N, C-alpha and C. Protein backbone atom coordinates (compact mmCIF):
# COMPACT_ATOMS: atom_id res chain seq x y z
N MET A 1 20.08 -1.37 -11.32
CA MET A 1 19.48 -0.70 -12.36
C MET A 1 17.90 -0.81 -11.98
N PRO A 2 17.28 0.35 -12.17
CA PRO A 2 15.75 0.34 -11.76
C PRO A 2 14.92 -0.48 -12.84
N VAL A 3 13.83 -0.92 -12.36
CA VAL A 3 13.08 -1.68 -13.32
C VAL A 3 11.88 -0.69 -13.56
N ALA A 4 11.61 -0.65 -14.90
CA ALA A 4 10.44 0.17 -15.21
C ALA A 4 9.01 -0.56 -14.88
N ALA A 5 8.13 0.05 -14.51
CA ALA A 5 6.95 -0.45 -14.36
C ALA A 5 5.73 0.42 -14.78
N THR A 6 4.66 -0.13 -14.96
CA THR A 6 3.46 0.61 -15.32
C THR A 6 2.61 0.84 -14.22
N VAL A 7 2.40 2.05 -14.06
CA VAL A 7 1.64 2.50 -12.73
C VAL A 7 0.23 2.81 -13.17
N ARG A 8 -0.73 2.39 -12.32
CA ARG A 8 -2.00 2.59 -12.66
C ARG A 8 -2.65 3.67 -11.63
N VAL A 9 -3.17 4.81 -12.16
CA VAL A 9 -3.62 5.81 -11.39
C VAL A 9 -5.16 5.94 -11.70
N SER A 10 -5.88 6.06 -10.68
CA SER A 10 -7.19 6.29 -10.74
C SER A 10 -7.61 7.46 -9.97
N CYS A 11 -8.76 8.25 -10.31
CA CYS A 11 -9.16 9.40 -9.59
C CYS A 11 -10.60 9.56 -10.09
N TRP A 12 -11.29 10.35 -9.24
CA TRP A 12 -12.70 10.78 -9.55
C TRP A 12 -12.60 12.20 -10.04
N LEU A 13 -13.09 12.53 -11.10
CA LEU A 13 -13.07 13.88 -11.81
C LEU A 13 -14.47 14.09 -12.20
N ALA A 14 -15.23 14.94 -11.55
CA ALA A 14 -16.55 15.37 -11.91
C ALA A 14 -17.38 14.19 -11.97
N GLY A 15 -17.28 13.16 -11.06
CA GLY A 15 -18.09 12.07 -11.11
C GLY A 15 -17.72 10.93 -12.07
N ALA A 16 -16.70 11.16 -13.00
CA ALA A 16 -16.36 10.09 -13.82
C ALA A 16 -14.90 9.62 -13.41
N ARG A 17 -14.84 8.30 -13.52
CA ARG A 17 -13.60 7.64 -13.25
C ARG A 17 -12.56 7.69 -14.36
N VAL A 18 -11.39 8.28 -14.09
CA VAL A 18 -10.38 8.30 -15.02
C VAL A 18 -9.13 7.35 -14.53
N THR A 19 -8.86 6.60 -15.44
CA THR A 19 -7.89 5.49 -15.21
C THR A 19 -6.73 5.58 -16.22
N THR A 20 -5.48 5.54 -15.88
CA THR A 20 -4.49 5.33 -16.87
C THR A 20 -3.75 4.09 -16.54
N GLY A 21 -2.91 3.45 -17.59
CA GLY A 21 -2.30 2.25 -17.26
C GLY A 21 -2.70 1.24 -18.24
N VAL A 22 -2.30 -0.08 -17.94
CA VAL A 22 -2.58 -1.15 -18.86
C VAL A 22 -3.92 -1.72 -18.81
N ALA A 23 -4.54 -2.05 -17.59
CA ALA A 23 -5.68 -2.61 -17.50
C ALA A 23 -6.62 -2.03 -16.45
N ARG A 24 -7.88 -1.90 -16.61
CA ARG A 24 -8.69 -1.39 -15.68
C ARG A 24 -9.19 -2.56 -14.77
N ARG A 25 -9.23 -2.35 -13.54
CA ARG A 25 -9.76 -3.42 -12.63
C ARG A 25 -10.81 -2.87 -11.83
N SER A 26 -11.70 -3.87 -11.44
CA SER A 26 -12.91 -3.43 -10.61
C SER A 26 -12.88 -4.33 -9.34
N MET A 27 -13.40 -3.96 -8.36
CA MET A 27 -13.51 -4.80 -7.08
C MET A 27 -14.86 -5.30 -7.01
N LYS A 28 -14.83 -6.71 -6.87
CA LYS A 28 -16.17 -7.48 -6.77
C LYS A 28 -16.25 -7.86 -5.40
N ASN A 29 -17.41 -8.16 -4.89
CA ASN A 29 -17.59 -8.51 -3.61
C ASN A 29 -18.59 -9.65 -3.37
N ARG A 30 -18.65 -10.34 -2.31
CA ARG A 30 -19.47 -11.33 -1.96
C ARG A 30 -20.35 -10.94 -0.80
N LEU A 31 -20.54 -9.73 -0.49
CA LEU A 31 -21.20 -9.25 0.65
C LEU A 31 -22.59 -9.64 0.51
N LYS A 32 -23.33 -9.43 -0.43
CA LYS A 32 -24.87 -9.90 -0.54
C LYS A 32 -24.97 -11.32 -0.29
N VAL A 33 -24.05 -12.26 -0.85
CA VAL A 33 -24.18 -13.62 -0.56
C VAL A 33 -24.02 -13.89 0.80
N LEU A 34 -22.88 -13.36 1.47
CA LEU A 34 -22.64 -13.70 2.84
C LEU A 34 -23.76 -13.15 3.77
N ARG A 35 -24.34 -12.18 3.35
CA ARG A 35 -25.46 -11.62 4.38
C ARG A 35 -26.65 -12.38 4.07
N ALA A 36 -27.01 -12.93 2.89
CA ALA A 36 -28.07 -13.80 2.61
C ALA A 36 -27.96 -15.16 3.44
N GLU A 37 -26.70 -15.64 3.34
CA GLU A 37 -26.46 -16.85 4.11
C GLU A 37 -26.78 -16.84 5.52
N ARG A 38 -26.69 -15.64 6.22
CA ARG A 38 -27.10 -15.42 7.55
C ARG A 38 -28.54 -14.96 7.76
N ASP A 39 -29.20 -14.67 6.60
CA ASP A 39 -30.57 -14.19 6.65
C ASP A 39 -30.67 -12.86 7.32
N TRP A 40 -29.70 -11.91 7.09
CA TRP A 40 -29.56 -10.60 7.34
C TRP A 40 -30.12 -9.65 6.36
N THR A 41 -30.90 -8.65 6.81
CA THR A 41 -31.25 -7.63 5.89
C THR A 41 -30.09 -6.64 5.70
N GLN A 42 -30.07 -5.60 4.81
CA GLN A 42 -29.08 -4.72 4.64
C GLN A 42 -29.20 -3.85 5.84
N GLN A 43 -30.30 -3.60 6.45
CA GLN A 43 -30.48 -2.83 7.54
C GLN A 43 -29.76 -3.47 8.94
N ALA A 44 -29.91 -4.82 9.01
CA ALA A 44 -29.44 -5.52 10.15
C ALA A 44 -27.87 -5.65 10.03
N LEU A 45 -27.27 -5.76 8.74
CA LEU A 45 -25.88 -5.74 8.70
C LEU A 45 -25.34 -4.22 8.94
N ALA A 46 -26.04 -3.35 8.38
CA ALA A 46 -25.61 -1.94 8.56
C ALA A 46 -25.47 -1.54 10.22
N GLU A 47 -26.48 -1.96 10.95
CA GLU A 47 -26.46 -1.74 12.32
C GLU A 47 -25.33 -2.61 13.03
N ARG A 48 -25.14 -3.77 12.64
CA ARG A 48 -23.86 -4.60 13.23
C ARG A 48 -22.58 -3.91 12.93
N LEU A 49 -22.48 -3.20 11.76
CA LEU A 49 -21.27 -2.76 11.25
C LEU A 49 -21.02 -1.18 11.69
N GLY A 50 -22.28 -0.61 12.02
CA GLY A 50 -22.15 0.82 12.43
C GLY A 50 -22.08 1.89 11.27
N VAL A 51 -22.90 1.45 10.18
CA VAL A 51 -23.01 2.16 8.97
C VAL A 51 -24.30 2.43 8.52
N SER A 52 -24.71 3.05 7.56
CA SER A 52 -26.09 3.21 7.12
C SER A 52 -26.41 2.03 6.10
N ARG A 53 -27.68 1.87 6.05
CA ARG A 53 -28.12 0.88 5.10
C ARG A 53 -27.75 1.29 3.57
N GLN A 54 -27.77 2.54 3.28
CA GLN A 54 -27.23 2.93 2.03
C GLN A 54 -26.03 2.55 1.79
N THR A 55 -25.03 2.66 2.74
CA THR A 55 -23.62 2.24 2.61
C THR A 55 -23.51 0.85 2.08
N ILE A 56 -24.36 -0.06 2.78
CA ILE A 56 -24.26 -1.49 2.52
C ILE A 56 -24.86 -1.59 1.10
N ASN A 57 -25.80 -0.98 0.77
CA ASN A 57 -26.36 -1.12 -0.64
C ASN A 57 -25.38 -0.73 -1.68
N ALA A 58 -24.60 0.28 -1.52
CA ALA A 58 -23.65 0.94 -2.33
C ALA A 58 -22.47 -0.02 -2.44
N ILE A 59 -21.95 -0.60 -1.28
CA ILE A 59 -20.98 -1.68 -1.45
C ILE A 59 -21.36 -2.85 -2.21
N GLU A 60 -22.54 -3.47 -1.93
CA GLU A 60 -23.13 -4.63 -2.64
C GLU A 60 -23.26 -4.39 -4.24
N LYS A 61 -23.49 -3.25 -4.54
CA LYS A 61 -23.74 -2.80 -5.96
C LYS A 61 -22.40 -2.43 -6.61
N GLY A 62 -21.45 -2.36 -5.89
CA GLY A 62 -19.99 -2.01 -6.45
C GLY A 62 -19.88 -0.60 -6.77
N LYS A 63 -20.81 0.27 -6.08
CA LYS A 63 -20.56 1.77 -6.34
C LYS A 63 -19.68 2.36 -5.27
N TYR A 64 -19.49 1.63 -4.40
CA TYR A 64 -18.54 2.19 -3.22
C TYR A 64 -17.60 1.11 -2.70
N ASP A 65 -16.29 1.39 -2.57
CA ASP A 65 -15.42 0.43 -2.07
C ASP A 65 -15.17 0.94 -0.58
N PRO A 66 -15.34 0.12 0.28
CA PRO A 66 -15.24 0.55 1.75
C PRO A 66 -13.77 0.85 2.13
N ALA A 67 -13.61 1.68 3.21
CA ALA A 67 -12.39 1.96 3.72
C ALA A 67 -11.86 0.83 4.36
N LEU A 68 -10.50 0.54 4.55
CA LEU A 68 -9.77 -0.52 5.09
C LEU A 68 -10.43 -0.88 6.51
N PRO A 69 -10.56 0.07 7.36
CA PRO A 69 -11.16 -0.34 8.70
C PRO A 69 -12.50 -1.01 8.56
N THR A 70 -13.40 -0.57 7.61
CA THR A 70 -14.78 -1.20 7.36
C THR A 70 -14.51 -2.47 6.92
N ALA A 71 -13.54 -2.66 5.91
CA ALA A 71 -13.46 -4.02 5.44
C ALA A 71 -13.01 -5.01 6.36
N PHE A 72 -12.16 -4.50 7.41
CA PHE A 72 -11.61 -5.41 8.38
C PHE A 72 -12.81 -5.72 9.43
N ARG A 73 -13.63 -4.77 9.59
CA ARG A 73 -14.86 -5.13 10.48
C ARG A 73 -15.71 -5.99 9.72
N LEU A 74 -15.89 -5.98 8.54
CA LEU A 74 -16.63 -6.90 7.84
C LEU A 74 -16.06 -8.26 7.86
N ALA A 75 -14.88 -8.46 7.63
CA ALA A 75 -14.18 -9.67 7.80
C ALA A 75 -14.29 -10.37 9.23
N LEU A 76 -14.15 -9.53 10.27
CA LEU A 76 -14.43 -10.01 11.60
C LEU A 76 -15.85 -10.42 11.81
N LEU A 77 -16.84 -9.73 11.28
CA LEU A 77 -18.11 -10.06 11.45
C LEU A 77 -18.59 -11.33 10.72
N PHE A 78 -18.02 -11.54 9.57
CA PHE A 78 -18.40 -12.77 8.76
C PHE A 78 -17.38 -13.93 9.06
N ASP A 79 -16.39 -13.62 9.97
CA ASP A 79 -15.47 -14.66 10.41
C ASP A 79 -14.72 -15.22 9.13
N CYS A 80 -14.10 -14.29 8.34
CA CYS A 80 -13.36 -14.63 7.18
C CYS A 80 -12.33 -13.63 7.03
N ARG A 81 -11.53 -13.68 5.77
CA ARG A 81 -10.40 -12.91 5.41
C ARG A 81 -11.02 -11.88 4.44
N ILE A 82 -10.62 -10.65 4.55
CA ILE A 82 -11.02 -9.62 3.68
C ILE A 82 -11.13 -10.12 2.23
N GLU A 83 -10.06 -10.89 1.76
CA GLU A 83 -9.98 -11.29 0.26
C GLU A 83 -11.01 -12.40 0.14
N ASP A 84 -11.70 -12.83 1.11
CA ASP A 84 -12.86 -13.82 0.95
C ASP A 84 -14.02 -12.97 0.76
N ILE A 85 -14.08 -11.72 0.99
CA ILE A 85 -15.20 -10.95 0.67
C ILE A 85 -14.92 -10.08 -0.55
N PHE A 86 -13.85 -9.58 -0.75
CA PHE A 86 -13.59 -8.67 -1.89
C PHE A 86 -12.34 -9.18 -2.70
N GLN A 87 -12.70 -9.02 -4.05
CA GLN A 87 -11.77 -9.63 -5.14
C GLN A 87 -11.56 -8.55 -6.34
N TYR A 88 -10.34 -8.45 -6.65
CA TYR A 88 -10.13 -7.54 -7.80
C TYR A 88 -10.33 -8.36 -9.16
N GLU A 89 -10.95 -7.83 -10.08
CA GLU A 89 -10.99 -8.54 -11.32
C GLU A 89 -10.73 -7.60 -12.58
N ASP A 90 -10.23 -8.05 -13.58
CA ASP A 90 -9.92 -7.21 -14.71
C ASP A 90 -11.32 -7.04 -15.37
N GLU A 91 -11.40 -5.68 -15.87
CA GLU A 91 -12.56 -5.27 -16.68
C GLU A 91 -12.43 -5.56 -18.08
N SER A 92 -13.43 -6.05 -18.78
CA SER A 92 -13.06 -6.32 -20.37
C SER A 92 -13.46 -5.12 -21.10
């Protein structure tokens, strides 16, 4: 017998996030902390990662969630797991 589940669907519509489901979640990250521990500027991290400084800024501010390959490169660069950098949290 199939088990019913609530499915969360998110999309961007005209710049506004539309979410259906039980709880909204956001992705938090420790990128700024990890970068500061190494005394790297956003520009220095961007060059090591092969992205723009604006991309690093947007990730740190939570305005952009990186693609999986970028998240893996960040984990390799910081010598940690992806989940040590990015965590999902329920929004209140």
